[in-house]
C-alpha atoms as a PDB file:
ATOM      1  CA  UNK A   1      28.244  -7.555  29.875  1.00  0.00           C
ATOM      2  CA  UNK A   2      24.640  -6.642  29.030  1.00  0.00           C
ATOM      3  CA  UNK A   3      22.841  -3.628  30.539  1.00  0.00           C
ATOM      4  CA  UNK A   4      19.247  -4.240  29.334  1.00  0.00           C
ATOM      5  CA  UNK A   5      19.492  -1.048  27.275  1.00  0.00           C
ATOM      6  CA  UNK A   6      16.916  -2.348  24.793  1.00  0.00           C
ATOM      7  CA  UNK A   7      14.626  -4.248  27.161  1.00  0.00           C
ATOM      8  CA  UNK A   8      11.117  -4.290  25.709  1.00  0.00           C
ATOM      9  CA  UNK A   9      12.194  -2.805  22.376  1.00  0.00           C
ATOM     10  CA  UNK A  10      11.515  -4.358  18.986  1.00  0.00           C
ATOM     11  CA  UNK A  11      13.541  -3.881  15.833  1.00  0.00           C
ATOM     12  CA  UNK A  12      14.214  -4.865  12.238  1.00  0.00           C
ATOM     13  CA  UNK A  13      17.761  -5.663  11.126  1.00  0.00           C
ATOM     14  CA  UNK A  14      18.514  -5.432   7.393  1.00  0.00           C
ATOM     15  CA  UNK A  15      21.578  -7.082   5.883  1.00  0.00           C
ATOM     16  CA  UNK A  16      22.766  -9.888   8.173  1.00  0.00           C
ATOM     17  CA  UNK A  17      24.556 -12.292   5.807  1.00  0.00           C
ATOM     18  CA  UNK A  18      27.091 -14.210   7.875  1.00  0.00           C
ATOM     19  CA  UNK A  19      28.942 -13.941  11.172  1.00  0.00           C
ATOM     20  CA  UNK A  20      31.387 -11.411   9.671  1.00  0.00           C
ATOM     21  CA  UNK A  21      28.694  -8.839   8.926  1.00  0.00           C
ATOM     22  CA  UNK A  22      28.045  -5.855  11.152  1.00  0.00           C
ATOM     23  CA  UNK A  23      24.296  -6.477  10.893  1.00  0.00           C
ATOM     24  CA  UNK A  24      24.821  -9.994  12.271  1.00  0.00           C
ATOM     25  CA  UNK A  25      26.805  -8.671  15.230  1.00  0.00           C
ATOM     26  CA  UNK A  26      24.280  -5.906  15.834  1.00  0.00           C
ATOM     27  CA  UNK A  27      21.403  -8.384  15.915  1.00  0.00           C
ATOM     28  CA  UNK A  28      23.277 -10.450  18.507  1.00  0.00           C
ATOM     29  CA  UNK A  29      24.079  -7.425  20.651  1.00  0.00           C
ATOM     30  CA  UNK A  30      20.525  -6.051  20.454  1.00  0.00           C
ATOM     31  CA  UNK A  31      19.167  -9.428  21.516  1.00  0.00           C
ATOM     32  CA  UNK A  32      21.642  -9.562  24.405  1.00  0.00           C
ATOM     33  CA  UNK A  33      20.387  -6.132  25.517  1.00  0.00           C
ATOM     34  CA  UNK A  34      16.810  -7.384  25.686  1.00  0.00           C
ATOM     35  CA  UNK A  35      15.413  -6.559  22.238  1.00  0.00           C
ATOM     36  CA  UNK A  36      13.170  -8.684  20.046  1.00  0.00           C
ATOM     37  CA  UNK A  37      14.316  -8.807  16.422  1.00  0.00           C
ATOM     38  CA  UNK A  38      13.003  -9.455  12.929  1.00  0.00           C
ATOM     39  CA  UNK A  39      15.721 -10.296  10.408  1.00  0.00           C
ATOM     40  CA  UNK A  40      15.481  -9.486   6.723  1.00  0.00           C
ATOM     41  CA  UNK A  41      17.572  -9.652   3.574  1.00  0.00           C
ATOM     42  CA  UNK A  42      17.100 -10.097  -0.153  1.00  0.00           C
ATOM     43  CA  UNK A  43      15.913 -13.576  -1.185  1.00  0.00           C
ATOM     44  CA  UNK A  44      19.207 -14.293  -2.981  1.00  0.00           C
ATOM     45  CA  UNK A  45      21.209 -13.220   0.085  1.00  0.00           C
ATOM     46  CA  UNK A  46      19.114 -15.518   2.258  1.00  0.00           C
ATOM     47  CA  UNK A  47      20.076 -18.428   0.021  1.00  0.00           C
ATOM     48  CA  UNK A  48      23.770 -17.484   0.039  1.00  0.00           C
ATOM     49  CA  UNK A  49      24.156 -16.671   3.722  1.00  0.00           C
ATOM     50  CA  UNK A  50      23.611 -18.445   7.028  1.00  0.00           C
ATOM     51  CA  UNK A  51      20.891 -16.208   8.417  1.00  0.00           C
ATOM     52  CA  UNK A  52      18.784 -19.113   9.685  1.00  0.00           C
ATOM     53  CA  UNK A  53      21.580 -19.931  12.116  1.00  0.00           C
ATOM     54  CA  UNK A  54      21.384 -16.405  13.520  1.00  0.00           C
ATOM     55  CA  UNK A  55      17.583 -16.508  13.546  1.00  0.00           C
ATOM     56  CA  UNK A  56      17.615 -19.619  15.702  1.00  0.00           C
ATOM     57  CA  UNK A  57      20.207 -18.119  18.047  1.00  0.00           C
ATOM     58  CA  UNK A  58      18.262 -14.911  18.714  1.00  0.00           C
ATOM     59  CA  UNK A  59      14.776 -16.412  18.276  1.00  0.00           C
ATOM     60  CA  UNK A  60      13.933 -14.122  15.358  1.00  0.00           C
ATOM     61  CA  UNK A  61      11.709 -14.701  12.328  1.00  0.00           C
ATOM     62  CA  UNK A  62      13.233 -14.112   8.894  1.00  0.00           C
ATOM     63  CA  UNK A  63      11.147 -12.130   6.423  1.00  0.00           C
ATOM     64  CA  UNK A  64      12.604 -11.878   2.885  1.00  0.00           C
ATOM     65  CA  UNK A  65      12.513  -8.445   1.273  1.00  0.00           C
ATOM     66  CA  UNK A  66      14.053  -7.020  -1.884  1.00  0.00           C
ATOM     67  CA  UNK A  67      14.749  -3.404  -0.920  1.00  0.00           C
ATOM     68  CA  UNK A  68      14.266  -2.279  -4.532  1.00  0.00           C
ATOM     69  CA  UNK A  69      10.628  -3.432  -4.452  1.00  0.00           C
ATOM     70  CA  UNK A  70       8.184  -1.254  -2.516  1.00  0.00           C
ATOM     71  CA  UNK A  71       5.690  -4.099  -2.100  1.00  0.00           C
ATOM     72  CA  UNK A  72       8.366  -6.217  -0.398  1.00  0.00           C
ATOM     73  CA  UNK A  73       9.159  -3.443   2.079  1.00  0.00           C
ATOM     74  CA  UNK A  74       5.473  -2.933   2.813  1.00  0.00           C
ATOM     75  CA  UNK A  75       5.034  -6.667   3.381  1.00  0.00           C
ATOM     76  CA  UNK A  76       8.077  -6.699   5.678  1.00  0.00           C
ATOM     77  CA  UNK A  77       6.751  -3.933   7.940  1.00  0.00           C
ATOM     78  CA  UNK A  78       3.226  -5.368   7.898  1.00  0.00           C
ATOM     79  CA  UNK A  79       4.427  -8.817   8.931  1.00  0.00           C
ATOM     80  CA  UNK A  80       6.823  -7.388  11.511  1.00  0.00           C
ATOM     81  CA  UNK A  81       4.024  -5.392  13.139  1.00  0.00           C
ATOM     82  CA  UNK A  82       1.798  -8.461  13.165  1.00  0.00           C
ATOM     83  CA  UNK A  83       4.621 -10.444  14.775  1.00  0.00           C
ATOM     84  CA  UNK A  84       5.340  -7.804  17.413  1.00  0.00           C
ATOM     85  CA  UNK A  85       1.744  -6.724  17.925  1.00  0.00           C
ATOM     86  CA  UNK A  86       2.582  -3.118  17.081  1.00  0.00           C
ATOM     87  CA  UNK A  87       5.204  -0.817  15.560  1.00  0.00           C
ATOM     88  CA  UNK A  88       8.966  -1.328  15.810  1.00  0.00           C
ATOM     89  CA  UNK A  89      11.306   0.813  17.880  1.00  0.00           C
ATOM     90  CA  UNK A  90      14.430   0.649  15.744  1.00  0.00           C
ATOM     91  CA  UNK A  91      15.731  -0.250  12.295  1.00  0.00           C
ATOM     92  CA  UNK A  92      19.256  -0.999  11.101  1.00  0.00           C
ATOM     93  CA  UNK A  93      19.966  -0.388   7.407  1.00  0.00           C
ATOM     94  CA  UNK A  94      23.134  -2.333   6.622  1.00  0.00           C
ATOM     95  CA  UNK A  95      22.864  -2.680   2.859  1.00  0.00           C
ATOM     96  CA  UNK A  96      25.369  -1.980   0.107  1.00  0.00           C
ATOM     97  CA  UNK A  97      26.229  -3.416  -3.286  1.00  0.00           C
ATOM     98  CA  UNK A  98      28.195  -2.276  -6.344  1.00  0.00           C
ATOM     99  CA  UNK A  99      28.310  -4.333  -9.515  1.00  0.00           C
ATOM    100  CA  UNK A 100      31.033  -2.020 -10.823  1.00  0.00           C
ATOM    101  CA  UNK A 101      33.191  -2.957  -7.834  1.00  0.00           C
ATOM    102  CA  UNK A 102      32.439  -6.655  -8.225  1.00  0.00           C
ATOM    103  CA  UNK A 103      33.408  -6.593 -11.879  1.00  0.00           C
ATOM    104  CA  UNK A 104      36.512  -4.472 -11.349  1.00  0.00           C
ATOM    105  CA  UNK A 105      35.281  -1.606 -13.527  1.00  0.00           C
ATOM    106  CA  UNK A 106      37.103   1.625 -12.577  1.00  0.00           C
ATOM    107  CA  UNK A 107      35.084   4.659 -11.508  1.00  0.00           C
ATOM    108  CA  UNK A 108      35.870   6.659 -14.636  1.00  0.00           C
ATOM    109  CA  UNK A 109      34.533   3.819 -16.821  1.00  0.00           C
ATOM    110  CA  UNK A 110      31.442   2.905 -14.787  1.00  0.00           C
ATOM    111  CA  UNK A 111      28.686   0.971 -16.490  1.00  0.00           C
ATOM    112  CA  UNK A 112      25.647   3.152 -15.790  1.00  0.00           C
ATOM    113  CA  UNK A 113      23.199   0.273 -15.727  1.00  0.00           C
ATOM    114  CA  UNK A 114      25.326  -1.226 -12.934  1.00  0.00           C
ATOM    115  CA  UNK A 115      25.550   2.193 -11.284  1.00  0.00           C
ATOM    116  CA  UNK A 116      21.773   2.607 -11.226  1.00  0.00           C
ATOM    117  CA  UNK A 117      21.309  -0.844  -9.726  1.00  0.00           C
ATOM    118  CA  UNK A 118      23.863  -0.178  -6.982  1.00  0.00           C
ATOM    119  CA  UNK A 119      22.340   3.236  -6.253  1.00  0.00           C
ATOM    120  CA  UNK A 120      18.888   1.715  -5.920  1.00  0.00           C
ATOM    121  CA  UNK A 121      20.075  -0.985  -3.513  1.00  0.00           C
ATOM    122  CA  UNK A 122      22.645   0.969  -1.509  1.00  0.00           C
ATOM    123  CA  UNK A 123      21.075   4.412  -1.155  1.00  0.00           C
ATOM    124  CA  UNK A 124      17.543   4.791  -2.472  1.00  0.00           C
ATOM    125  CA  UNK A 125      16.530   1.755  -0.432  1.00  0.00           C
ATOM    126  CA  UNK A 126      16.830   3.848   2.747  1.00  0.00           C
ATOM    127  CA  UNK A 127      14.337   6.360   1.355  1.00  0.00           C
ATOM    128  CA  UNK A 128      12.031   3.513   0.335  1.00  0.00           C
ATOM    129  CA  UNK A 129      12.232   1.933   3.797  1.00  0.00           C
ATOM    130  CA  UNK A 130      11.545   5.227   5.575  1.00  0.00           C
ATOM    131  CA  UNK A 131       8.779   6.273   3.201  1.00  0.00           C
ATOM    132  CA  UNK A 132       6.993   2.951   3.684  1.00  0.00           C
ATOM    133  CA  UNK A 133       7.481   3.013   7.453  1.00  0.00           C
ATOM    134  CA  UNK A 134       6.017   6.519   7.655  1.00  0.00           C
ATOM    135  CA  UNK A 135       2.973   5.596   5.539  1.00  0.00           C
ATOM    136  CA  UNK A 136       2.280   2.516   7.662  1.00  0.00           C
ATOM    137  CA  UNK A 137       3.142   4.282  10.937  1.00  0.00           C
ATOM    138  CA  UNK A 138       5.477   1.348  11.476  1.00  0.00           C
ATOM    139  CA  UNK A 139       8.054   3.033  13.757  1.00  0.00           C
ATOM    140  CA  UNK A 140       7.000   4.063  17.242  1.00  0.00           C
ATOM    141  CA  UNK A 141       7.392   7.576  18.613  1.00  0.00           C
ATOM    142  CA  UNK A 142      11.002   8.262  19.623  1.00  0.00           C
ATOM    143  CA  UNK A 143      12.117   5.328  17.488  1.00  0.00           C
ATOM    144  CA  UNK A 144      15.585   5.165  15.963  1.00  0.00           C
ATOM    145  CA  UNK A 145      16.930   4.357  12.500  1.00  0.00           C
ATOM    146  CA  UNK A 146      20.625   3.802  11.819  1.00  0.00           C
ATOM    147  CA  UNK A 147      22.218   3.332   8.392  1.00  0.00           C
ATOM    148  CA  UNK A 148      25.823   2.244   7.991  1.00  0.00           C
ATOM    149  CA  UNK A 149      28.083   4.385   5.828  1.00  0.00           C
ATOM    150  CA  UNK A 150      31.760   5.083   5.168  1.00  0.00           C
ATOM    151  CA  UNK A 151      34.038   8.133   5.027  1.00  0.00           C
ATOM    152  CA  UNK A 152      34.425   7.680   1.250  1.00  0.00           C
ATOM    153  CA  UNK A 153      31.206   9.703   1.091  1.00  0.00           C
ATOM    154  CA  UNK A 154      33.365  12.752   1.927  1.00  0.00           C
ATOM    155  CA  UNK A 155      36.834  11.773   0.705  1.00  0.00           C
ATOM    156  CA  UNK A 156      38.270   9.984  -2.310  1.00  0.00           C
ATOM    157  CA  UNK A 157      39.357   6.392  -1.771  1.00  0.00           C
ATOM    158  CA  UNK A 158      40.514   4.697  -4.991  1.00  0.00           C
ATOM    159  CA  UNK A 159      38.645   1.479  -5.799  1.00  0.00           C
ATOM    160  CA  UNK A 160      35.726   2.249  -3.478  1.00  0.00           C
ATOM    161  CA  UNK A 161      34.227   3.328  -6.766  1.00  0.00           C
ATOM    162  CA  UNK A 162      30.560   4.307  -7.126  1.00  0.00           C
ATOM    163  CA  UNK A 163      29.877   3.142  -3.580  1.00  0.00           C
ATOM    164  CA  UNK A 164      31.282   6.518  -2.503  1.00  0.00           C
ATOM    165  CA  UNK A 165      28.463   8.233  -4.424  1.00  0.00           C
ATOM    166  CA  UNK A 166      25.920   5.823  -2.961  1.00  0.00           C
ATOM    167  CA  UNK A 167      27.061   6.526   0.587  1.00  0.00           C
ATOM    168  CA  UNK A 168      26.969  10.288   0.012  1.00  0.00           C
ATOM    169  CA  UNK A 169      23.335  10.054  -1.098  1.00  0.00           C
ATOM    170  CA  UNK A 170      22.548   7.679   1.777  1.00  0.00           C
ATOM    171  CA  UNK A 171      23.793  10.265   4.270  1.00  0.00           C
ATOM    172  CA  UNK A 172      21.756  12.997   2.570  1.00  0.00           C
ATOM    173  CA  UNK A 173      18.586  10.886   2.731  1.00  0.00           C
ATOM    174  CA  UNK A 174      19.169  10.295   6.447  1.00  0.00           C
ATOM    175  CA  UNK A 175      19.483  14.039   7.077  1.00  0.00           C
ATOM    176  CA  UNK A 176      16.449  15.008   5.021  1.00  0.00           C
ATOM    177  CA  UNK A 177      14.173  12.241   6.228  1.00  0.00           C
ATOM    178  CA  UNK A 178      15.443  12.866   9.751  1.00  0.00           C
ATOM    179  CA  UNK A 179      13.840  16.292   9.600  1.00  0.00           C
ATOM    180  CA  UNK A 180      10.465  15.097   8.351  1.00  0.00           C
ATOM    181  CA  UNK A 181      10.219  11.957  10.499  1.00  0.00           C
ATOM    182  CA  UNK A 182      11.477  13.850  13.529  1.00  0.00           C
ATOM    183  CA  UNK A 183       8.880  16.577  13.086  1.00  0.00           C
ATOM    184  CA  UNK A 184       6.078  14.079  12.548  1.00  0.00           C
ATOM    185  CA  UNK A 185       6.860  11.309  15.044  1.00  0.00           C
ATOM    186  CA  UNK A 186      10.076  12.162  16.924  1.00  0.00           C
ATOM    187  CA  UNK A 187      11.808   9.349  15.019  1.00  0.00           C
ATOM    188  CA  UNK A 188      15.554   9.963  14.874  1.00  0.00           C
ATOM    189  CA  UNK A 189      17.662   8.968  11.881  1.00  0.00           C
ATOM    190  CA  UNK A 190      21.466   8.814  11.844  1.00  0.00           C
ATOM    191  CA  UNK A 191      24.276   7.287   9.845  1.00  0.00           C
ATOM    192  CA  UNK A 192      27.306   5.599  11.378  1.00  0.00           C
ATOM    193  CA  UNK A 193      30.554   5.976   9.441  1.00  0.00           C
ATOM    194  CA  UNK A 194      32.444   2.846  10.409  1.00  0.00           C
ATOM    195  CA  UNK A 195      36.141   1.938  10.118  1.00  0.00           C
ATOM    196  CA  UNK A 196      37.041  -0.379   7.231  1.00  0.00           C
ATOM    197  CA  UNK A 197      35.843  -3.742   8.516  1.00  0.00           C
ATOM    198  CA  UNK A 198      36.548  -7.280   7.356  1.00  0.00           C
ATOM    199  CA  UNK A 199      33.012  -8.082   6.272  1.00  0.00           C
ATOM    200  CA  UNK A 200      32.106 -10.163   3.227  1.00  0.00           C
ATOM    201  CA  UNK A 201      31.156  -6.987   1.339  1.00  0.00           C
ATOM    202  CA  UNK A 202      34.124  -4.893   2.493  1.00  0.00           C
ATOM    203  CA  UNK A 203      36.668  -7.546   1.611  1.00  0.00           C
ATOM    204  CA  UNK A 204      35.487  -7.424  -1.999  1.00  0.00           C
ATOM    205  CA  UNK A 205      37.022  -3.971  -2.540  1.00  0.00           C
ATOM    206  CA  UNK A 206      40.340  -4.076  -4.409  1.00  0.00           C
ATOM    207  CA  UNK A 207      43.341  -3.374  -2.189  1.00  0.00           C
ATOM    208  CA  UNK A 208      41.275  -3.803   0.968  1.00  0.00           C
ATOM    209  CA  UNK A 209      43.997  -5.488   3.022  1.00  0.00           C
ATOM    210  CA  UNK A 210      46.471  -2.689   2.346  1.00  0.00           C
ATOM    211  CA  UNK A 211      43.949  -0.046   3.187  1.00  0.00           C
ATOM    212  CA  UNK A 212      42.770  -1.623   6.434  1.00  0.00           C
ATOM    213  CA  UNK A 213      46.403  -1.713   7.574  1.00  0.00           C
ATOM    214  CA  UNK A 214      46.834   1.942   6.599  1.00  0.00           C
ATOM    215  CA  UNK A 215      43.659   2.922   8.480  1.00  0.00           C
ATOM    216  CA  UNK A 216      44.928   1.095  11.545  1.00  0.00           C
ATOM    217  CA  UNK A 217      48.103   3.208  11.487  1.00  0.00           C
ATOM    218  CA  UNK A 218      46.092   6.388  10.856  1.00  0.00           C
ATOM    219  CA  UNK A 219      43.650   5.905  13.733  1.00  0.00           C
ATOM    220  CA  UNK A 220      44.803   6.943  17.216  1.00  0.00           C
ATOM    221  CA  UNK A 221      42.592   4.245  18.740  1.00  0.00           C
ATOM    222  CA  UNK A 222      42.976   1.760  15.884  1.00  0.00           C
ATOM    223  CA  UNK A 223      40.186   0.491  13.659  1.00  0.00           C
ATOM    224  CA  UNK A 224      36.799  -0.121  15.237  1.00  0.00           C
ATOM    225  CA  UNK A 225      35.681  -3.744  14.989  1.00  0.00           C
ATOM    226  CA  UNK A 226      32.284  -5.055  13.895  1.00  0.00           C
ATOM    227  CA  UNK A 227      31.489  -5.941  17.509  1.00  0.00           C
ATOM    228  CA  UNK A 228      32.334  -2.409  18.636  1.00  0.00           C
ATOM    229  CA  UNK A 229      30.166  -0.968  15.870  1.00  0.00           C
ATOM    230  CA  UNK A 230      27.322  -3.184  17.069  1.00  0.00           C
ATOM    231  CA  UNK A 231      27.730  -1.769  20.571  1.00  0.00           C
ATOM    232  CA  UNK A 232      27.563   1.768  19.179  1.00  0.00           C
ATOM    233  CA  UNK A 233      24.381   0.943  17.258  1.00  0.00           C
ATOM    234  CA  UNK A 234      22.848  -0.393  20.474  1.00  0.00           C
ATOM    235  CA  UNK A 235      23.405   2.980  22.149  1.00  0.00           C
ATOM    236  CA  UNK A 236      21.755   4.746  19.218  1.00  0.00           C
ATOM    237  CA  UNK A 237      18.733   2.460  19.465  1.00  0.00           C
ATOM    238  CA  UNK A 238      18.490   3.047  23.206  1.00  0.00           C
ATOM    239  CA  UNK A 239      16.708   5.866  25.042  1.00  0.00           C
ATOM    240  CA  UNK A 240      20.095   7.285  26.059  1.00  0.00           C
ATOM    241  CA  UNK A 241      20.427   9.005  22.660  1.00  0.00           C
ATOM    242  CA  UNK A 242      16.883  10.329  22.205  1.00  0.00           C
ATOM    243  CA  UNK A 243      18.036  13.782  21.083  1.00  0.00           C
ATOM    244  CA  UNK A 244      20.603  12.660  18.502  1.00  0.00           C
ATOM    245  CA  UNK A 245      19.307  12.842  14.950  1.00  0.00           C
ATOM    246  CA  UNK A 246      20.309  13.791  11.374  1.00  0.00           C
ATOM    247  CA  UNK A 247      23.969  13.153  12.239  1.00  0.00           C
ATOM    248  CA  UNK A 248      26.736  11.334  10.422  1.00  0.00           C
ATOM    249  CA  UNK A 249      28.549   9.793  13.381  1.00  0.00           C
ATOM    250  CA  UNK A 250      32.137   8.675  12.840  1.00  0.00           C
ATOM    251  CA  UNK A 251      32.976   5.396  14.549  1.00  0.00           C
ATOM    252  CA  UNK A 252      36.522   4.967  13.301  1.00  0.00           C
ATOM    253  CA  UNK A 253      39.024   5.301  16.141  1.00  0.00           C
ATOM    254  CA  UNK A 254      39.738   8.922  15.219  1.00  0.00           C
ATOM    255  CA  UNK A 255      40.687   8.283  11.572  1.00  0.00           C
ATOM    256  CA  UNK A 256      38.272  10.925  10.246  1.00  0.00           C
ATOM    257  CA  UNK A 257      39.941  13.809  12.095  1.00  0.00           C
ATOM    258  CA  UNK A 258      43.576  12.752  11.940  1.00  0.00           C
ATOM    259  CA  UNK A 259      45.817  14.454   9.399  1.00  0.00           C
ATOM    260  CA  UNK A 260      48.766  12.101   9.843  1.00  0.00           C
ATOM    261  CA  UNK A 261      50.168   9.930  12.606  1.00  0.00           C
ATOM    262  CA  UNK A 262      53.731   9.268  13.679  1.00  0.00           C
ATOM    263  CA  UNK A 263      53.313   5.643  12.630  1.00  0.00           C
ATOM    264  CA  UNK A 264      52.474   6.674   9.055  1.00  0.00           C
ATOM    265  CA  UNK A 265      55.356   9.189   8.938  1.00  0.00           C
ATOM    266  CA  UNK A 266      57.800   6.509  10.069  1.00  0.00           C
ATOM    267  CA  UNK A 267      56.415   4.088   7.490  1.00  0.00           C
ATOM    268  CA  UNK A 268      56.885   6.651   4.709  1.00  0.00           C
ATOM    269  CA  UNK A 269      60.467   7.330   5.783  1.00  0.00           C
ATOM    270  CA  UNK A 270      61.559   3.703   5.482  1.00  0.00           C
END
């Protein structure tokens, strides 16, 4: 059921790759709530994914942008504002990549060239997006930015690797930029720490199936799905959350504040 929470609002969605991605679901849910969308991803991701299918479904243009290239981000916001006839109201940053993870290199043996590349794409890109948006005055007053993160920014999860460092920096950028953008334009910036989710990126982490089952047992409400995360993002883009900013918001069925559950105890006693 739609509530027109985003009627008249315009937004940019980064990172929609295929129907399993949270960005894909969020774009669908934002459109259902009345928003107009611009979709973007790296040129290589556009070739690999099925974003044109989504674009047709939600009547959205696709503007390629490499988030490591400032000129691409500037072109994205410029074209988006031309398309919408003004600034955007919300942005979803759903971007993450680790070459060390892809190549199975353990954290304690990380290739630093790979680390730098992943850091640039996964974390510094948020700063680049916000810096460019502020310079171009591309986000309207009381706009909203959400970046997706994971609890590995605060706790150790073997095999999540250098992505844990990337997410920790991502959350810090959201807090710091949230202060400056909030002071200047009342733009709010938050991160959403989502349950482990069966996305194309998430499934690439070693031992993912075992961990998602563990998280399910450790969460009083169970793991939050991609669709449920999309719904949460919609609320953060809406005017109902105008005073929420600089927060890392856990959307994980209670996993983040649960020490142990009876289900896990019983599993360990078998």
